[in-house]
Protein backbone atom coordinates (compact mmCIF):
# COMPACT_ATOMS: atom_id res chain seq x y z
CA UNK A 1 92.74 78.44 88.72
CA UNK A 2 92.27 80.14 92.06
CA UNK A 3 88.85 81.69 92.68
CA UNK A 4 90.24 84.08 95.29
CA UNK A 5 92.45 87.15 94.90
CA UNK A 6 96.17 86.40 94.78
CA UNK A 7 98.44 88.96 96.44
CA UNK A 8 101.94 89.47 95.03
CA UNK A 9 104.07 92.09 96.82
CA UNK A 10 106.96 93.58 94.88
CA UNK A 11 109.93 95.22 96.57
CA UNK A 12 112.95 96.51 94.72
CA UNK A 13 116.36 98.14 94.90
CA UNK A 14 117.31 97.17 98.45
CA UNK A 15 121.01 98.14 98.02
CA UNK A 16 122.11 96.33 101.16
CA UNK A 17 125.62 97.26 102.30
CA UNK A 18 127.96 95.48 104.69
CA UNK A 19 126.84 95.79 108.33
CA UNK A 20 127.32 99.32 109.62
CA UNK A 21 127.75 100.88 106.17
CA UNK A 22 125.41 103.51 104.70
CA UNK A 23 124.57 103.81 101.03
CA UNK A 24 126.08 107.02 99.67
CA UNK A 25 127.19 107.69 103.29
CA UNK A 26 123.62 108.71 104.09
CA UNK A 27 121.01 105.96 103.65
CA UNK A 28 120.63 103.09 106.13
CA UNK A 29 119.33 100.57 103.62
CA UNK A 30 119.37 97.68 106.12
CA UNK A 31 117.08 99.55 108.52
CA UNK A 32 114.84 100.44 105.58
CA UNK A 33 114.56 96.77 104.60
CA UNK A 34 113.80 95.80 108.20
CA UNK A 35 110.88 98.25 108.23
CA UNK A 36 109.72 96.92 104.87
CA UNK A 37 109.83 93.30 106.06
CA UNK A 38 107.83 94.26 109.14
CA UNK A 39 105.15 95.81 106.91
CA UNK A 40 105.06 92.75 104.64
CA UNK A 41 104.81 90.32 107.54
CA UNK A 42 101.89 92.20 109.10
CA UNK A 43 99.95 92.90 105.92
CA UNK A 44 96.38 91.58 105.99
CA UNK A 45 95.39 89.30 104.41
CA UNK A 46 98.61 87.29 104.28
CA UNK A 47 100.57 87.84 101.10
CA UNK A 48 101.09 84.90 98.74
CA UNK A 49 104.54 85.84 97.44
CA UNK A 50 107.15 88.60 97.54
CA UNK A 51 109.05 89.41 94.34
CA UNK A 52 112.36 91.27 94.74
CA UNK A 53 113.13 92.90 91.40
CA UNK A 54 116.85 93.51 91.54
CA UNK A 55 119.66 95.48 93.15
CA UNK A 56 119.48 93.34 96.25
CA UNK A 57 122.93 94.51 97.36
CA UNK A 58 125.06 97.51 96.46
CA UNK A 59 128.70 96.75 95.61
CA UNK A 60 128.37 93.63 95.35
CA UNK A 61 130.32 91.54 97.86
CA UNK A 62 129.88 88.21 99.62
CA UNK A 63 129.56 90.09 102.94
CA UNK A 64 126.66 92.13 101.57
CA UNK A 65 124.82 89.00 100.45
CA UNK A 66 125.38 87.39 103.84
CA UNK A 67 123.89 90.47 105.49
CA UNK A 68 120.97 90.42 103.03
CA UNK A 69 120.27 86.74 103.73
CA UNK A 70 120.18 87.42 107.48
CA UNK A 71 117.72 90.26 106.98
CA UNK A 72 115.49 88.27 104.63
CA UNK A 73 115.41 85.34 107.07
CA UNK A 74 112.88 87.39 109.05
CA UNK A 75 110.47 87.50 106.11
CA UNK A 76 107.60 85.10 106.84
CA UNK A 77 106.37 85.01 103.23
CA UNK A 78 107.96 83.03 100.38
CA UNK A 79 110.09 85.21 98.11
CA UNK A 80 111.79 85.06 94.73
CA UNK A 81 114.43 87.45 93.45
CA UNK A 82 116.22 88.47 90.27
CA UNK A 83 119.46 90.45 89.97
CA UNK A 84 119.87 94.06 88.97
CA UNK A 85 122.91 95.94 87.75
CA UNK A 86 124.33 96.17 91.31
CA UNK A 87 124.18 92.40 91.77
CA UNK A 88 126.46 89.47 90.97
CA UNK A 89 124.89 86.36 89.48
CA UNK A 90 127.51 84.08 91.00
CA UNK A 91 127.32 85.59 94.51
CA UNK A 92 123.53 85.60 94.36
CA UNK A 93 123.45 81.90 93.42
CA UNK A 94 125.75 81.15 96.35
CA UNK A 95 123.67 83.22 98.79
CA UNK A 96 120.39 81.52 97.81
CA UNK A 97 121.36 77.99 96.73
CA UNK A 98 117.82 76.59 97.06
CA UNK A 99 116.37 78.74 94.28
CA UNK A 100 114.94 76.98 91.20
CA UNK A 101 116.65 78.84 88.37
CA UNK A 102 115.88 77.85 84.79
CA UNK A 103 119.56 77.10 84.11
CA UNK A 104 122.55 76.11 86.22
CA UNK A 105 124.67 78.94 84.78
CA UNK A 106 124.12 82.31 83.16
CA UNK A 107 120.97 84.43 83.65
CA UNK A 108 118.97 83.76 86.82
CA UNK A 109 115.60 83.35 85.09
CA UNK A 110 112.85 81.73 87.16
CA UNK A 111 109.25 80.59 86.94
CA UNK A 112 106.89 79.99 89.87
CA UNK A 113 103.17 79.30 89.95
CA UNK A 114 100.84 80.51 92.71
CA UNK A 115 97.49 78.72 92.47
CA UNK A 116 97.55 78.91 88.68
CA UNK A 117 98.95 82.44 88.42
CA UNK A 118 102.30 82.23 86.66
CA UNK A 119 105.16 84.46 87.86
CA UNK A 120 108.02 84.77 85.36
CA UNK A 121 111.26 86.45 86.42
CA UNK A 122 113.74 87.62 83.79
CA UNK A 123 117.39 88.42 84.45
CA UNK A 124 118.06 91.66 82.55
CA UNK A 125 121.46 92.30 84.18
CA UNK A 126 124.56 92.71 82.03
CA UNK A 127 127.58 91.77 84.17
CA UNK A 128 129.84 94.77 84.66
CA UNK A 129 127.46 97.28 83.05
CA UNK A 130 124.57 99.43 84.34
CA UNK A 131 122.19 99.00 81.40
CA UNK A 132 119.83 96.10 80.89
CA UNK A 133 119.51 93.51 78.16
CA UNK A 134 117.71 90.19 77.75
CA UNK A 135 120.15 87.86 76.06
CA UNK A 136 119.11 85.43 73.35
CA UNK A 137 118.75 82.48 75.70
CA UNK A 138 116.46 84.49 78.00
CA UNK A 139 114.25 85.63 75.11
CA UNK A 140 114.00 82.03 73.86
CA UNK A 141 113.19 80.81 77.38
CA UNK A 142 110.50 83.48 77.81
CA UNK A 143 108.89 82.57 74.48
CA UNK A 144 108.92 78.89 75.36
CA UNK A 145 107.58 79.51 78.87
CA UNK A 146 104.71 81.71 77.69
CA UNK A 147 103.89 79.16 74.99
CA UNK A 148 103.16 76.42 77.55
CA UNK A 149 99.62 77.75 78.08
CA UNK A 150 96.98 79.87 76.39
CA UNK A 151 94.72 79.98 79.46
CA UNK A 152 96.85 80.66 82.55
CA UNK A 153 97.38 84.36 83.43
CA UNK A 154 101.01 85.44 83.79
CA UNK A 155 103.01 88.29 85.30
CA UNK A 156 106.57 89.12 84.19
CA UNK A 157 109.19 90.83 86.37
CA UNK A 158 112.61 92.19 85.44
CA UNK A 159 114.91 94.87 86.82
CA UNK A 160 115.37 97.29 83.92
CA UNK A 161 112.31 99.13 82.57
CA UNK A 162 111.65 98.68 78.83
CA UNK A 163 110.40 102.27 78.49
CA UNK A 164 111.81 105.77 79.00
CA UNK A 165 110.82 107.57 82.20
CA UNK A 166 112.01 111.07 81.34
CA UNK A 167 114.74 110.88 84.00
CA UNK A 168 117.74 111.34 81.73
CA UNK A 169 120.47 109.48 83.60
CA UNK A 170 118.20 106.49 84.33
CA UNK A 171 116.90 106.24 80.77
CA UNK A 172 120.48 105.73 79.58
CA UNK A 173 120.46 102.51 81.65
CA UNK A 174 117.09 101.01 80.75
CA UNK A 175 116.44 97.81 78.77
CA UNK A 176 118.40 98.12 75.53
CA UNK A 177 116.51 95.49 73.53
CA UNK A 178 112.99 96.40 74.58
CA UNK A 179 111.80 95.78 71.01
CA UNK A 180 112.72 92.08 71.34
CA UNK A 181 110.65 91.85 74.51
CA UNK A 182 107.75 93.67 72.84
CA UNK A 183 107.58 91.12 70.03
CA UNK A 184 107.21 88.29 72.55
CA UNK A 185 104.70 90.16 74.72
CA UNK A 186 102.38 90.87 71.78
CA UNK A 187 102.22 87.16 70.91
CA UNK A 188 100.92 86.16 74.34
CA UNK A 189 97.73 87.89 75.54
CA UNK A 190 97.78 85.92 78.79
CA UNK A 191 100.51 88.26 80.04
CA UNK A 192 98.76 90.71 82.38
CA UNK A 193 101.57 92.88 83.79
CA UNK A 194 105.27 93.67 83.51
CA UNK A 195 106.82 94.79 86.80
CA UNK A 196 110.24 96.50 86.94
CA UNK A 197 112.58 98.23 89.36
CA UNK A 198 115.80 100.23 88.90
CA UNK A 199 114.35 103.78 89.03
CA UNK A 200 113.28 103.81 92.72
CA UNK A 201 110.03 105.55 91.79
CA UNK A 202 106.42 104.40 91.32
CA UNK A 203 105.86 104.74 87.58
CA UNK A 204 103.30 103.41 85.10
CA UNK A 205 103.34 103.09 81.32
CA UNK A 206 101.83 100.87 78.65
CA UNK A 207 104.31 98.61 76.90
CA UNK A 208 103.35 96.44 73.93
CA UNK A 209 99.72 96.71 75.02
CA UNK A 210 100.41 95.61 78.61
CA UNK A 211 100.58 97.73 81.80
CA UNK A 212 104.21 98.14 82.85
CA UNK A 213 105.07 99.42 86.33
CA UNK A 214 108.20 100.48 88.18
CA UNK A 215 108.26 99.68 91.88
CA UNK A 216 109.22 102.32 94.46
CA UNK A 217 112.06 101.55 96.85
CA UNK A 218 112.00 101.08 100.64
CA UNK A 219 114.95 103.46 101.14
CA UNK A 220 115.63 106.36 98.75
CA UNK A 221 114.11 107.68 95.54
CA UNK A 222 115.82 108.82 92.36
CA UNK A 223 115.33 112.56 91.95
CA UNK A 224 112.47 113.30 89.55
CA UNK A 225 114.61 115.64 87.45
CA UNK A 226 112.71 115.63 84.15
CA UNK A 227 114.08 119.11 83.35
CA UNK A 228 117.69 117.85 83.48
CA UNK A 229 118.67 120.56 85.96
CA UNK A 230 120.88 118.54 88.29
CA UNK A 231 123.56 115.89 88.36
CA UNK A 232 122.26 112.37 89.10
CA UNK A 233 120.77 112.65 92.57
CA UNK A 234 118.47 110.97 95.09
CA UNK A 235 115.94 112.12 97.66
CA UNK A 236 114.61 110.63 100.88
CA UNK A 237 110.92 110.30 100.05
CA UNK A 238 108.22 108.16 101.72
CA UNK A 239 109.16 104.49 101.23
CA UNK A 240 106.69 102.08 99.66
CA UNK A 241 106.19 98.78 97.90
CA UNK A 242 103.81 97.59 95.19
CA UNK A 243 100.97 95.18 95.81
CA UNK A 244 99.89 93.42 92.61
CA UNK A 245 96.47 91.90 93.25
CA UNK A 246 95.16 89.35 90.76
CA UNK A 247 91.37 89.24 90.82
CA UNK A 248 89.49 86.23 89.43
CA UNK A 249 87.04 86.89 86.62
CA UNK A 250 86.28 86.18 83.01
CA UNK A 251 89.15 85.30 80.71
CA UNK A 252 92.48 85.94 82.42
CA UNK A 253 90.96 87.80 85.35
CA UNK A 254 92.29 91.26 86.21
CA UNK A 255 95.40 92.67 87.81
CA UNK A 256 95.31 95.77 90.06
CA UNK A 257 98.45 97.44 91.45
CA UNK A 258 98.41 99.42 94.70
CA UNK A 259 101.24 101.52 96.10
CA UNK A 260 101.56 100.69 99.80
CA UNK A 261 103.43 103.20 101.99
CA UNK A 262 105.76 101.77 104.62
CA UNK A 263 105.37 103.19 108.12
CA UNK A 264 102.86 103.94 110.86
CA UNK A 265 100.07 106.33 109.92
CA UNK A 266 97.03 107.72 111.73
CA UNK A 267 93.89 105.61 111.26
CA UNK A 268 91.93 103.83 110.02
CA UNK A 269 88.98 105.97 111.10
CA UNK A 270 85.30 105.27 110.29
CA UNK A 271 83.45 107.32 107.69
CA UNK A 272 80.07 106.64 109.32
CA UNK A 273 78.77 107.00 112.87
CA UNK A 274 76.61 104.54 114.91
CA UNK A 275 73.51 105.99 113.24
CA UNK A 276 74.79 104.96 109.83
CA UNK A 277 75.21 108.55 108.70
CA UNK A 278 78.38 110.15 107.37
CA UNK A 279 80.32 111.74 110.23
CA UNK A 280 80.10 115.52 109.96
């Protein structure tokens, strides 16, 4: 197992349109992804892996995936991706033919290992529907994959959150069989984190005894309408990605998640002057 921190960046909900098209006639999602890729490429220290947790494109069409592939070709870090409810499994397979999916057809489940840290990606998409579900083959594959070790730490990623957020129109589309996932999670204490997308907001909950996060988006955020005052809406809020940092230590080590804003900001500035005293 690695004795250094392992840095896994998570980006989500890219919603790439055909060239020249705006999402909802307002959001330039391609430009947003370009800014995000720039931030990922220049992050220090160099990231080990980028996980894209669904909704890579918007409609979906072959043209959108071609545009996405061109944009992602500028990413200097290895990446893995799973589909969301806006994606097509077949078009995604065609766009990224070199991916090592667990099966040649059906859900695009994947497993990668970064210096002993296991990254498990679950396809929660239901073709033609907005909600999420892990089908029987995916649940069996997850159980079998987690059963291969009792010592190696693991992170799981999927698109649909297995918990309610309080945002009414998104909660109708979350993971429908979260209880099936919970049964598997509780049997495998090596699982350190579940990372999700779909809601376009940084969110944290405990699920089956494991921290479960939702990644913010690089483009637009779902309106935080917990009072159910408005129709389903979005806002243009500061874009960000999640940085999941695995830290070596006793047992399975520790996982820490940071929200990293995308953009240029003033600083960094020193806290202390040349005399070693706090600047006043």
